[in-house]
Amino acid sequence: MSKKNSRINVPEAREAMDKFKMEAASEVGVNLKEGYNGDLSSREAGSVGGQMVKKMIESYEKNL
């Protein structure tokens, strides 16, 4: 089985992704802090990820 790779390949993108994640978290009412957020529930973490995907899809569809 292959190992999941969650590293960002472009170092300059890390800051943009962190900002995007914080925006998505605030939109769904999840309080993220800088650094480690391992104390989030699965529901909270999933809602942040889901909001990020939703925004990416909306952006893609807008640019079609």
PDB file of N, CA and C in Angstrom:
ATOM      1  N   MET A   1       0.833  -1.176   0.000  1.00  0.00           N
ATOM      2  CA  MET A   1       0.000   0.000   0.000  1.00  0.00           C
ATOM      3  C   MET A   1       0.880   1.242   0.000  1.00  0.00           C
ATOM      4  N   SER A   2       0.508   2.231  -0.800  1.00  0.00           N
ATOM      5  CA  SER A   2       1.321   3.439  -0.849  1.00  0.00           C
ATOM      6  C   SER A   2       0.983   4.359   0.312  1.00  0.00           C
ATOM      7  N   LYS A   3       1.971   5.098   0.718  1.00  0.00           N
ATOM      8  CA  LYS A   3       1.815   6.025   1.830  1.00  0.00           C
ATOM      9  C   LYS A   3       1.263   7.349   1.303  1.00  0.00           C
ATOM     10  N   LYS A   4       0.299   7.936   1.986  1.00  0.00           N
ATOM     11  CA  LYS A   4      -0.282   9.210   1.576  1.00  0.00           C
ATOM     12  C   LYS A   4       0.751  10.320   1.744  1.00  0.00           C
ATOM     13  N   ASN A   5       0.894  11.135   0.710  1.00  0.00           N
ATOM     14  CA  ASN A   5       1.856  12.229   0.746  1.00  0.00           C
ATOM     15  C   ASN A   5       1.094  13.534   0.850  1.00  0.00           C
ATOM     16  N   SER A   6       1.178  14.200   1.991  1.00  0.00           N
ATOM     17  CA  SER A   6       0.454  15.455   2.183  1.00  0.00           C
ATOM     18  C   SER A   6       1.390  16.654   2.185  1.00  0.00           C
ATOM     19  N   ARG A   7       2.624  16.447   1.708  1.00  0.00           N
ATOM     20  CA  ARG A   7       3.571  17.562   1.654  1.00  0.00           C
ATOM     21  C   ARG A   7       3.194  18.501   0.519  1.00  0.00           C
ATOM     22  N   ILE A   8       3.419  19.779   0.721  1.00  0.00           N
ATOM     23  CA  ILE A   8       3.201  20.770  -0.329  1.00  0.00           C
ATOM     24  C   ILE A   8       4.489  20.860  -1.126  1.00  0.00           C
ATOM     25  N   ASN A   9       4.394  20.642  -2.445  1.00  0.00           N
ATOM     26  CA  ASN A   9       5.577  20.595  -3.289  1.00  0.00           C
ATOM     27  C   ASN A   9       6.176  21.969  -3.572  1.00  0.00           C
ATOM     28  N   VAL A  10       5.366  23.013  -3.506  1.00  0.00           N
ATOM     29  CA  VAL A  10       5.852  24.373  -3.744  1.00  0.00           C
ATOM     30  C   VAL A  10       5.882  25.086  -2.392  1.00  0.00           C
ATOM     31  N   PRO A  11       7.069  25.329  -1.850  1.00  0.00           N
ATOM     32  CA  PRO A  11       7.166  25.918  -0.505  1.00  0.00           C
ATOM     33  C   PRO A  11       6.400  27.233  -0.355  1.00  0.00           C
ATOM     34  N   GLU A  12       6.351  28.031  -1.403  1.00  0.00           N
ATOM     35  CA  GLU A  12       5.645  29.315  -1.335  1.00  0.00           C
ATOM     36  C   GLU A  12       4.137  29.132  -1.167  1.00  0.00           C
ATOM     37  N   ALA A  13       3.638  27.966  -1.501  1.00  0.00           N
ATOM     38  CA  ALA A  13       2.202  27.716  -1.422  1.00  0.00           C
ATOM     39  C   ALA A  13       1.741  27.433   0.006  1.00  0.00           C
ATOM     40  N   ARG A  14       2.649  27.086   0.899  1.00  0.00           N
ATOM     41  CA  ARG A  14       2.252  26.726   2.264  1.00  0.00           C
ATOM     42  C   ARG A  14       1.490  27.863   2.944  1.00  0.00           C
ATOM     43  N   GLU A  15       1.997  29.083   2.835  1.00  0.00           N
ATOM     44  CA  GLU A  15       1.344  30.232   3.471  1.00  0.00           C
ATOM     45  C   GLU A  15      -0.058  30.447   2.893  1.00  0.00           C
ATOM     46  N   ALA A  16      -0.191  30.321   1.578  1.00  0.00           N
ATOM     47  CA  ALA A  16      -1.491  30.498   0.935  1.00  0.00           C
ATOM     48  C   ALA A  16      -2.470  29.407   1.380  1.00  0.00           C
ATOM     49  N   MET A  17      -1.986  28.163   1.483  1.00  0.00           N
ATOM     50  CA  MET A  17      -2.855  27.065   1.916  1.00  0.00           C
ATOM     51  C   MET A  17      -3.263  27.230   3.376  1.00  0.00           C
ATOM     52  N   ASP A  18      -2.350  27.688   4.212  1.00  0.00           N
ATOM     53  CA  ASP A  18      -2.688  27.925   5.618  1.00  0.00           C
ATOM     54  C   ASP A  18      -3.751  29.023   5.739  1.00  0.00           C
ATOM     55  N   LYS A  19      -3.607  30.074   4.953  1.00  0.00           N
ATOM     56  CA  LYS A  19      -4.593  31.160   4.968  1.00  0.00           C
ATOM     57  C   LYS A  19      -5.947  30.655   4.484  1.00  0.00           C
ATOM     58  N   PHE A  20      -5.929  29.867   3.405  1.00  0.00           N
ATOM     59  CA  PHE A  20      -7.156  29.291   2.856  1.00  0.00           C
ATOM     60  C   PHE A  20      -7.852  28.400   3.884  1.00  0.00           C
ATOM     61  N   LYS A  21      -7.062  27.600   4.600  1.00  0.00           N
ATOM     62  CA  LYS A  21      -7.606  26.706   5.629  1.00  0.00           C
ATOM     63  C   LYS A  21      -8.230  27.504   6.766  1.00  0.00           C
ATOM     64  N   MET A  22      -7.569  28.575   7.190  1.00  0.00           N
ATOM     65  CA  MET A  22      -8.101  29.410   8.274  1.00  0.00           C
ATOM     66  C   MET A  22      -9.411  30.084   7.853  1.00  0.00           C
ATOM     67  N   GLU A  23      -9.480  30.554   6.604  1.00  0.00           N
ATOM     68  CA  GLU A  23     -10.712  31.173   6.100  1.00  0.00           C
ATOM     69  C   GLU A  23     -11.851  30.162   6.085  1.00  0.00           C
ATOM     70  N   ALA A  24     -11.576  28.966   5.585  1.00  0.00           N
ATOM     71  CA  ALA A  24     -12.595  27.923   5.526  1.00  0.00           C
ATOM     72  C   ALA A  24     -13.066  27.550   6.933  1.00  0.00           C
ATOM     73  N   ALA A  25     -12.132  27.452   7.864  1.00  0.00           N
ATOM     74  CA  ALA A  25     -12.484  27.105   9.247  1.00  0.00           C
ATOM     75  C   ALA A  25     -13.377  28.168   9.862  1.00  0.00           C
ATOM     76  N   SER A  26     -13.062  29.438   9.635  1.00  0.00           N
ATOM     77  CA  SER A  26     -13.885  30.498  10.224  1.00  0.00           C
ATOM     78  C   SER A  26     -15.282  30.517   9.601  1.00  0.00           C
ATOM     79  N   GLU A  27     -15.388  30.144   8.320  1.00  0.00           N
ATOM     80  CA  GLU A  27     -16.692  30.111   7.656  1.00  0.00           C
ATOM     81  C   GLU A  27     -17.609  29.035   8.242  1.00  0.00           C
ATOM     82  N   VAL A  28     -17.033  27.939   8.710  1.00  0.00           N
ATOM     83  CA  VAL A  28     -17.853  26.865   9.284  1.00  0.00           C
ATOM     84  C   VAL A  28     -17.860  26.891  10.811  1.00  0.00           C
ATOM     85  N   GLY A  29     -17.223  27.900  11.402  1.00  0.00           N
ATOM     86  CA  GLY A  29     -17.270  28.075  12.849  1.00  0.00           C
ATOM     87  C   GLY A  29     -16.331  27.198  13.646  1.00  0.00           C
ATOM     88  N   VAL A  30     -15.232  26.751  13.021  1.00  0.00           N
ATOM     89  CA  VAL A  30     -14.240  25.944  13.731  1.00  0.00           C
ATOM     90  C   VAL A  30     -13.081  26.853  14.109  1.00  0.00           C
ATOM     91  N   ASN A  31     -12.691  26.778  15.365  1.00  0.00           N
ATOM     92  CA  ASN A  31     -11.632  27.635  15.875  1.00  0.00           C
ATOM     93  C   ASN A  31     -10.282  26.938  15.712  1.00  0.00           C
ATOM     94  N   LEU A  32      -9.532  27.284  14.646  1.00  0.00           N
ATOM     95  CA  LEU A  32      -8.205  26.724  14.437  1.00  0.00           C
ATOM     96  C   LEU A  32      -7.166  27.639  15.069  1.00  0.00           C
ATOM     97  N   LYS A  33      -6.086  27.032  15.504  1.00  0.00           N
ATOM     98  CA  LYS A  33      -4.967  27.827  16.003  1.00  0.00           C
ATOM     99  C   LYS A  33      -3.753  27.527  15.127  1.00  0.00           C
ATOM    100  N   GLU A  34      -2.765  28.388  15.160  1.00  0.00           N
ATOM    101  CA  GLU A  34      -1.538  28.164  14.394  1.00  0.00           C
ATOM    102  C   GLU A  34      -0.848  26.915  14.922  1.00  0.00           C
ATOM    103  N   GLY A  35      -0.330  26.106  14.027  1.00  0.00           N
ATOM    104  CA  GLY A  35       0.390  24.906  14.434  1.00  0.00           C
ATOM    105  C   GLY A  35      -0.526  23.710  14.606  1.00  0.00           C
ATOM    106  N   TYR A  36      -0.293  22.952  15.653  1.00  0.00           N
ATOM    107  CA  TYR A  36      -0.977  21.682  15.890  1.00  0.00           C
ATOM    108  C   TYR A  36      -2.437  21.880  16.256  1.00  0.00           C
ATOM    109  N   ASN A  37      -3.318  21.130  15.559  1.00  0.00           N
ATOM    110  CA  ASN A  37      -4.754  21.169  15.849  1.00  0.00           C
ATOM    111  C   ASN A  37      -5.306  19.760  16.034  1.00  0.00           C
ATOM    112  N   GLY A  38      -4.498  18.881  16.623  1.00  0.00           N
ATOM    113  CA  GLY A  38      -4.894  17.492  16.805  1.00  0.00           C
ATOM    114  C   GLY A  38      -6.019  17.289  17.798  1.00  0.00           C
ATOM    115  N   ASP A  39      -6.411  18.340  18.496  1.00  0.00           N
ATOM    116  CA  ASP A  39      -7.495  18.211  19.457  1.00  0.00           C
ATOM    117  C   ASP A  39      -8.872  18.432  18.823  1.00  0.00           C
ATOM    118  N   LEU A  40      -8.918  18.667  17.494  1.00  0.00           N
ATOM    119  CA  LEU A  40     -10.205  18.831  16.813  1.00  0.00           C
ATOM    120  C   LEU A  40     -10.913  17.494  16.714  1.00  0.00           C
ATOM    121  N   SER A  41     -12.225  17.547  16.738  1.00  0.00           N
ATOM    122  CA  SER A  41     -12.986  16.318  16.518  1.00  0.00           C
ATOM    123  C   SER A  41     -12.958  15.986  15.030  1.00  0.00           C
ATOM    124  N   SER A  42     -13.293  14.757  14.700  1.00  0.00           N
ATOM    125  CA  SER A  42     -13.357  14.354  13.296  1.00  0.00           C
ATOM    126  C   SER A  42     -14.378  15.189  12.546  1.00  0.00           C
ATOM    127  N   ARG A  43     -15.476  15.500  13.191  1.00  0.00           N
ATOM    128  CA  ARG A  43     -16.521  16.313  12.576  1.00  0.00           C
ATOM    129  C   ARG A  43     -15.996  17.711  12.229  1.00  0.00           C
ATOM    130  N   GLU A  44     -15.265  18.313  13.169  1.00  0.00           N
ATOM    131  CA  GLU A  44     -14.730  19.652  12.932  1.00  0.00           C
ATOM    132  C   GLU A  44     -13.697  19.645  11.799  1.00  0.00           C
ATOM    133  N   ALA A  45     -12.765  18.691  11.858  1.00  0.00           N
ATOM    134  CA  ALA A  45     -11.740  18.601  10.824  1.00  0.00           C
ATOM    135  C   ALA A  45     -12.372  18.326   9.461  1.00  0.00           C
ATOM    136  N   GLY A  46     -13.364  17.460   9.430  1.00  0.00           N
ATOM    137  CA  GLY A  46     -14.054  17.150   8.177  1.00  0.00           C
ATOM    138  C   GLY A  46     -14.812  18.328   7.623  1.00  0.00           C
ATOM    139  N   SER A  47     -15.390  19.130   8.490  1.00  0.00           N
ATOM    140  CA  SER A  47     -16.135  20.291   7.998  1.00  0.00           C
ATOM    141  C   SER A  47     -15.201  21.327   7.398  1.00  0.00           C
ATOM    142  N   VAL A  48     -13.989  21.458   7.948  1.00  0.00           N
ATOM    143  CA  VAL A  48     -13.010  22.384   7.374  1.00  0.00           C
ATOM    144  C   VAL A  48     -12.570  21.873   6.000  1.00  0.00           C
ATOM    145  N   GLY A  49     -12.219  20.607   5.922  1.00  0.00           N
ATOM    146  CA  GLY A  49     -11.813  20.022   4.639  1.00  0.00           C
ATOM    147  C   GLY A  49     -12.920  20.087   3.607  1.00  0.00           C
ATOM    148  N   GLY A  50     -14.137  19.812   4.036  1.00  0.00           N
ATOM    149  CA  GLY A  50     -15.279  19.878   3.123  1.00  0.00           C
ATOM    150  C   GLY A  50     -15.510  21.284   2.600  1.00  0.00           C
ATOM    151  N   GLN A  51     -15.359  22.268   3.464  1.00  0.00           N
ATOM    152  CA  GLN A  51     -15.530  23.665   3.046  1.00  0.00           C
ATOM    153  C   GLN A  51     -14.442  24.063   2.060  1.00  0.00           C
ATOM    154  N   MET A  52     -13.222  23.573   2.278  1.00  0.00           N
ATOM    155  CA  MET A  52     -12.133  23.877   1.351  1.00  0.00           C
ATOM    156  C   MET A  52     -12.426  23.287  -0.027  1.00  0.00           C
ATOM    157  N   VAL A  53     -12.899  22.045  -0.062  1.00  0.00           N
ATOM    158  CA  VAL A  53     -13.228  21.409  -1.340  1.00  0.00           C
ATOM    159  C   VAL A  53     -14.371  22.147  -2.018  1.00  0.00           C
ATOM    160  N   LYS A  54     -15.380  22.518  -1.257  1.00  0.00           N
ATOM    161  CA  LYS A  54     -16.526  23.254  -1.805  1.00  0.00           C
ATOM    162  C   LYS A  54     -16.066  24.546  -2.470  1.00  0.00           C
ATOM    163  N   LYS A  55     -15.179  25.292  -1.786  1.00  0.00           N
ATOM    164  CA  LYS A  55     -14.684  26.557  -2.335  1.00  0.00           C
ATOM    165  C   LYS A  55     -13.823  26.331  -3.573  1.00  0.00           C
ATOM    166  N   MET A  56     -13.032  25.256  -3.588  1.00  0.00           N
ATOM    167  CA  MET A  56     -12.209  24.954  -4.763  1.00  0.00           C
ATOM    168  C   MET A  56     -13.084  24.610  -5.963  1.00  0.00           C
ATOM    169  N   ILE A  57     -14.146  23.846  -5.740  1.00  0.00           N
ATOM    170  CA  ILE A  57     -15.065  23.495  -6.828  1.00  0.00           C
ATOM    171  C   ILE A  57     -15.769  24.729  -7.344  1.00  0.00           C
ATOM    172  N   GLU A  58     -16.237  25.593  -6.444  1.00  0.00           N
ATOM    173  CA  GLU A  58     -16.890  26.830  -6.856  1.00  0.00           C
ATOM    174  C   GLU A  58     -15.952  27.695  -7.693  1.00  0.00           C
ATOM    175  N   SER A  59     -14.705  27.778  -7.286  1.00  0.00           N
ATOM    176  CA  SER A  59     -13.710  28.569  -8.019  1.00  0.00           C
ATOM    177  C   SER A  59     -13.483  27.988  -9.403  1.00  0.00           C
ATOM    178  N   TYR A  60     -13.368  26.661  -9.491  1.00  0.00           N
ATOM    179  CA  TYR A  60     -13.160  26.006 -10.775  1.00  0.00           C
ATOM    180  C   TYR A  60     -14.341  26.245 -11.704  1.00  0.00           C
ATOM    181  N   GLU A  61     -15.560  26.068 -11.193  1.00  0.00           N
ATOM    182  CA  GLU A  61     -16.750  26.243 -12.021  1.00  0.00           C
ATOM    183  C   GLU A  61     -16.904  27.692 -12.484  1.00  0.00           C
ATOM    184  N   LYS A  62     -16.519  28.619 -11.645  1.00  0.00           N
ATOM    185  CA  LYS A  62     -16.588  30.046 -11.994  1.00  0.00           C
ATOM    186  C   LYS A  62     -15.640  30.372 -13.140  1.00  0.00           C
ATOM    187  N   ASN A  63     -14.500  29.679 -13.197  1.00  0.00           N
ATOM    188  CA  ASN A  63     -13.490  29.958 -14.217  1.00  0.00           C
ATOM    189  C   ASN A  63     -13.667  29.123 -15.484  1.00  0.00           C
ATOM    190  N   LEU A  64     -14.739  28.371 -15.599  1.00  0.00           N
ATOM    191  CA  LEU A  64     -14.981  27.577 -16.815  1.00  0.00           C
ATOM    192  C   LEU A  64     -15.369  28.467 -17.972  1.00  0.00           C
TER     193      LEU A  64
END
